[in-house]
Amino acid sequence: MRILADTWSYLSDPASWTGGGGMLALLVEQLLLSVTALVVAALIGLPVALALGHLGRGGFLAVNVSNVGRAVPTFALLAVLVTADWPGTATLGPYGRAGLATLIALTLFALPPIITNAYVAVREVPGDVVEAARGMGMTGWQVFTRAELPLALPLVVSGLRLALVQVWATATIAALVAGPGLGRVITDGFAANDYGKGIAGAVVVAVVALVLELLSALAQRLATPRQRQARGRTVSADAPRVENPAG
């Protein structure tokens, strides 16, 4: 109970949130890292995965290469990048100390779910839909943009959703190499036997992860084609009602 009281005391103390090393600044720093890594990974991975999914070629190689990326520990990669001459531990503007090394590691970590989901999303578009689009005289680009991409979008967004939450949670390990983010609150707290501080940092990370998950789920819902949602509502409305024989 004392640890919980210490945690609440640290969270409710304004001094814990203010200043350059306060939790608010570190939270913004980690959010910036996570969003930037996600955007860079999306810019790299989505065009490749979507193109391969549309062409139906090279997908096996792309998916398996991305799966190999899952097997490489992000912390091991980050440690190598930090100890190398480049990028090392140099401060990168608002991203903080070892910001570039952290960004590279998180971007590579975000690529596998983005590539896998995007490729599978396009390949799982029903073949009759694609054939119907081609039968209407659409070009390959039109088939992709008007038929495949709208149907694949929910699963593509699902990959981005998964990558964002994973990257946010993983970004805390940067503190183990004196990098940026809320992980510093956790490591500093446990290193000083101030468990209330360490747990407070973990609580903030968990709460923000939950908020990001909810926002991502909303984005995925908005990405679902309206025709499919409307069809689901129509089916529910037209379904025959079963009368209660006891009534």
Protein backbone atom coordinates (compact mmCIF):
# COMPACT_ATOMS: atom_id res chain seq x y z
CA MET A 1 0.00 0.00 0.00
CA ARG A 2 2.88 2.36 0.69
CA ILE A 3 4.19 1.90 -2.87
CA LEU A 4 0.77 2.82 -4.24
CA ALA A 5 0.69 5.88 -2.01
CA ASP A 6 4.17 6.88 -3.18
CA THR A 7 3.10 6.38 -6.79
CA TRP A 8 0.06 8.61 -6.35
CA SER A 9 2.14 11.17 -4.49
CA TYR A 10 4.62 11.34 -7.37
CA LEU A 11 1.88 11.56 -10.01
CA SER A 12 -0.04 14.27 -8.14
CA ASP A 13 3.05 16.41 -7.48
CA PRO A 14 3.24 19.25 -10.05
CA ALA A 15 7.02 19.24 -9.73
CA SER A 16 7.08 15.75 -11.25
CA TRP A 17 5.61 17.08 -14.49
CA THR A 18 7.42 20.38 -14.96
CA GLY A 19 10.91 21.23 -16.10
CA GLY A 20 13.14 19.79 -18.80
CA GLY A 21 13.30 16.40 -17.11
CA GLY A 22 9.68 16.37 -16.00
CA MET A 23 7.27 13.70 -17.12
CA LEU A 24 5.33 16.04 -19.40
CA ALA A 25 8.44 16.91 -21.42
CA LEU A 26 9.51 13.26 -21.53
CA LEU A 27 6.00 12.18 -22.57
CA VAL A 28 6.00 14.66 -25.48
CA GLU A 29 9.49 13.50 -26.40
CA GLN A 30 8.43 9.85 -26.51
CA LEU A 31 5.25 10.66 -28.45
CA LEU A 32 7.32 12.55 -31.00
CA LEU A 33 9.70 9.62 -31.31
CA SER A 34 6.89 7.10 -31.69
CA VAL A 35 4.88 9.07 -34.24
CA THR A 36 7.96 9.95 -36.30
CA ALA A 37 9.13 6.34 -36.34
CA LEU A 38 5.64 5.23 -37.41
CA VAL A 39 5.45 7.81 -40.21
CA VAL A 40 8.90 6.92 -41.55
CA ALA A 41 8.12 3.19 -41.39
CA ALA A 42 4.81 3.78 -43.19
CA LEU A 43 6.50 5.84 -45.91
CA ILE A 44 9.01 3.04 -46.45
CA GLY A 45 6.88 -0.04 -45.94
CA LEU A 46 3.43 0.82 -47.29
CA PRO A 47 4.38 1.60 -50.93
CA VAL A 48 6.43 -1.59 -51.17
CA ALA A 49 3.84 -3.83 -49.51
CA LEU A 50 0.87 -2.38 -51.39
CA ALA A 51 2.66 -2.62 -54.73
CA LEU A 52 3.69 -6.22 -54.11
CA GLY A 53 0.19 -7.07 -52.98
CA HIS A 54 -1.29 -5.56 -56.13
CA LEU A 55 1.21 -7.28 -58.43
CA GLY A 56 1.08 -10.55 -56.52
CA ARG A 57 4.85 -10.94 -56.69
CA GLY A 58 7.62 -10.93 -54.14
CA GLY A 59 5.22 -11.05 -51.23
CA PHE A 60 6.69 -14.21 -49.76
CA LEU A 61 10.12 -12.61 -49.62
CA ALA A 62 8.83 -9.30 -48.22
CA VAL A 63 6.76 -10.93 -45.48
CA ASN A 64 9.54 -13.29 -44.44
CA VAL A 65 12.15 -10.53 -44.39
CA SER A 66 9.84 -8.50 -42.16
CA ASN A 67 9.35 -11.54 -39.94
CA VAL A 68 13.12 -11.85 -39.58
CA GLY A 69 13.04 -8.25 -38.39
CA ARG A 70 10.71 -9.29 -35.59
CA ALA A 71 13.30 -11.75 -34.35
CA VAL A 72 15.99 -9.09 -33.89
CA PRO A 73 15.77 -7.64 -30.37
CA THR A 74 15.17 -3.92 -30.58
CA PHE A 75 17.34 -3.26 -27.54
CA ALA A 76 20.26 -5.16 -29.09
CA LEU A 77 19.93 -3.10 -32.27
CA LEU A 78 19.68 0.10 -30.25
CA ALA A 79 22.79 -0.83 -28.24
CA VAL A 80 24.75 -1.41 -31.45
CA LEU A 81 23.62 1.90 -32.93
CA VAL A 82 24.45 3.83 -29.78
CA THR A 83 27.94 2.38 -29.44
CA ALA A 84 28.78 2.86 -33.13
CA ASP A 85 30.52 5.98 -34.40
CA TRP A 86 27.29 6.83 -36.24
CA PRO A 87 24.62 7.58 -35.19
CA GLY A 88 25.98 7.19 -31.65
CA THR A 89 24.53 9.14 -28.76
CA ALA A 90 24.39 12.56 -30.40
CA THR A 91 21.43 14.73 -29.47
CA LEU A 92 18.90 15.12 -32.27
CA GLY A 93 16.90 18.30 -31.68
CA PRO A 94 13.62 17.64 -29.83
CA TYR A 95 14.25 13.88 -29.94
CA GLY A 96 16.87 14.13 -27.22
CA ARG A 97 20.10 12.28 -26.58
CA ALA A 98 20.61 9.26 -28.87
CA GLY A 99 17.52 10.45 -30.70
CA LEU A 100 18.62 9.32 -34.17
CA ALA A 101 19.69 5.88 -32.94
CA THR A 102 16.36 5.47 -31.19
CA LEU A 103 14.45 6.59 -34.26
CA ILE A 104 16.25 4.09 -36.50
CA ALA A 105 15.67 1.22 -34.07
CA LEU A 106 11.98 2.05 -33.62
CA THR A 107 11.43 2.51 -37.36
CA LEU A 108 12.86 -0.93 -38.10
CA PHE A 109 10.71 -2.35 -35.30
CA ALA A 110 7.58 -0.80 -36.83
CA LEU A 111 8.16 -2.15 -40.34
CA PRO A 112 7.12 -5.84 -39.90
CA PRO A 113 3.46 -5.34 -38.89
CA ILE A 114 3.02 -2.57 -41.45
CA ILE A 115 4.45 -4.59 -44.35
CA THR A 116 2.72 -7.85 -43.41
CA ASN A 117 -0.73 -6.35 -42.89
CA ALA A 118 -0.59 -4.16 -45.99
CA TYR A 119 0.49 -7.01 -48.26
CA VAL A 120 -2.05 -9.47 -46.87
CA ALA A 121 -4.80 -6.82 -47.01
CA VAL A 122 -4.40 -6.33 -50.77
CA ARG A 123 -3.99 -10.02 -51.51
CA GLU A 124 -7.18 -10.87 -49.61
CA VAL A 125 -9.36 -8.59 -51.72
CA PRO A 126 -11.89 -10.97 -53.38
CA GLY A 127 -10.82 -11.98 -56.86
CA ASP A 128 -14.29 -11.44 -58.31
CA VAL A 129 -14.14 -7.78 -57.24
CA VAL A 130 -10.82 -7.32 -59.05
CA GLU A 131 -12.09 -9.13 -62.14
CA ALA A 132 -15.25 -7.04 -62.17
CA ALA A 133 -13.18 -3.86 -62.01
CA ARG A 134 -11.02 -5.02 -64.89
CA GLY A 135 -14.11 -6.04 -66.83
CA MET A 136 -15.35 -2.45 -66.53
CA GLY A 137 -12.23 -1.34 -68.39
CA MET A 138 -10.30 0.02 -65.42
CA THR A 139 -6.55 0.37 -65.69
CA GLY A 140 -4.28 -1.33 -63.17
CA TRP A 141 -3.94 1.90 -61.20
CA GLN A 142 -7.70 2.40 -61.15
CA VAL A 143 -8.25 -1.19 -60.02
CA PHE A 144 -5.85 -0.57 -57.16
CA THR A 145 -7.19 2.82 -56.06
CA ARG A 146 -10.91 2.18 -56.59
CA ALA A 147 -11.30 -1.50 -55.75
CA GLU A 148 -8.37 -2.98 -53.87
CA LEU A 149 -7.25 -0.11 -51.63
CA PRO A 150 -10.69 0.80 -50.20
CA LEU A 151 -11.32 -2.83 -49.24
CA ALA A 152 -7.78 -3.33 -47.93
CA LEU A 153 -7.71 -0.09 -45.92
CA PRO A 154 -9.13 -1.45 -42.63
CA LEU A 155 -6.43 -4.14 -42.41
CA VAL A 156 -3.76 -1.66 -43.47
CA VAL A 157 -4.83 0.67 -40.66
CA SER A 158 -4.82 -2.32 -38.33
CA GLY A 159 -1.13 -2.80 -39.08
CA LEU A 160 -0.44 0.86 -38.38
CA ARG A 161 -2.45 0.58 -35.16
CA LEU A 162 -0.43 -2.42 -34.01
CA ALA A 163 2.86 -0.77 -34.94
CA LEU A 164 2.02 2.47 -33.10
CA VAL A 165 1.17 0.79 -29.80
CA GLN A 166 4.18 -1.52 -30.02
CA VAL A 167 6.54 1.33 -30.85
CA TRP A 168 5.19 3.47 -28.01
CA ALA A 169 5.71 0.70 -25.46
CA THR A 170 9.13 -0.27 -26.83
CA ALA A 171 10.40 3.32 -26.88
CA THR A 172 10.84 3.13 -23.10
CA ILE A 173 13.91 0.90 -23.55
CA ALA A 174 15.84 3.90 -24.89
CA ALA A 175 16.38 4.91 -21.27
CA LEU A 176 18.58 1.84 -20.79
CA VAL A 177 21.18 3.53 -22.99
CA ALA A 178 20.50 6.96 -21.47
CA GLY A 179 18.19 7.79 -24.34
CA PRO A 180 15.00 9.86 -24.46
CA GLY A 181 11.48 9.19 -23.27
CA LEU A 182 9.50 8.20 -20.20
CA GLY A 183 11.70 5.18 -19.65
CA ARG A 184 14.08 7.52 -17.84
CA VAL A 185 11.53 8.01 -15.09
CA ILE A 186 11.19 4.24 -14.68
CA THR A 187 14.91 3.47 -14.72
CA ASP A 188 15.83 6.42 -12.48
CA GLY A 189 13.14 5.48 -9.98
CA PHE A 190 14.13 1.84 -9.63
CA ALA A 191 17.87 2.66 -9.69
CA ALA A 192 17.34 4.97 -6.68
CA ASN A 193 15.00 2.49 -4.93
CA ASP A 194 12.25 5.06 -5.42
CA TYR A 195 9.67 2.51 -6.49
CA GLY A 196 6.83 5.00 -6.41
CA LYS A 197 8.57 7.07 -9.09
CA GLY A 198 9.36 4.01 -11.21
CA ILE A 199 5.82 2.69 -11.07
CA ALA A 200 4.45 6.18 -11.76
CA GLY A 201 6.40 6.25 -15.02
CA ALA A 202 5.10 2.79 -15.93
CA VAL A 203 1.51 3.88 -15.18
CA VAL A 204 1.81 6.89 -17.49
CA VAL A 205 3.23 4.69 -20.27
CA ALA A 206 0.36 2.22 -19.85
CA VAL A 207 -2.33 4.93 -19.80
CA VAL A 208 -0.98 6.60 -22.93
CA ALA A 209 -0.75 3.19 -24.64
CA LEU A 210 -4.43 2.66 -23.86
CA VAL A 211 -5.35 6.09 -25.25
CA LEU A 212 -3.36 5.41 -28.43
CA GLU A 213 -5.07 2.04 -28.80
CA LEU A 214 -8.52 3.63 -28.48
CA LEU A 215 -7.70 6.38 -30.98
CA SER A 216 -6.24 3.83 -33.40
CA ALA A 217 -9.34 1.65 -33.05
CA LEU A 218 -11.49 4.67 -33.91
CA ALA A 219 -9.32 5.38 -36.96
CA GLN A 220 -9.67 1.77 -38.07
CA ARG A 221 -13.42 1.97 -37.70
CA LEU A 222 -13.54 5.14 -39.78
CA ALA A 223 -11.40 3.43 -42.43
CA THR A 224 -13.94 0.63 -42.85
CA PRO A 225 -15.90 1.18 -46.08
CA ARG A 226 -19.28 2.73 -45.35
CA GLN A 227 -20.97 0.36 -47.76
CA ARG A 228 -19.89 -2.59 -45.62
CA GLN A 229 -21.11 -0.93 -42.44
CA ALA A 230 -24.41 -0.02 -44.10
CA ARG A 231 -24.79 -3.54 -45.41
CA GLY A 232 -24.26 -4.92 -41.91
CA ARG A 233 -26.93 -2.61 -40.51
CA THR A 234 -29.34 -3.53 -43.31
CA VAL A 235 -28.88 -7.23 -42.71
CA SER A 236 -29.50 -6.73 -38.99
CA ALA A 237 -32.63 -4.69 -39.68
CA ASP A 238 -34.02 -7.15 -42.22
CA ALA A 239 -33.33 -10.24 -40.14
CA PRO A 240 -36.56 -12.01 -39.14
CA ARG A 241 -37.53 -11.62 -35.53
CA VAL A 242 -38.09 -14.74 -33.54
CA GLU A 243 -41.16 -14.47 -31.40
CA ASN A 244 -40.94 -15.71 -27.86
CA PRO A 245 -43.25 -18.71 -27.72
CA ALA A 246 -43.71 -18.15 -24.02
CA GLY A 247 -44.81 -14.57 -24.57
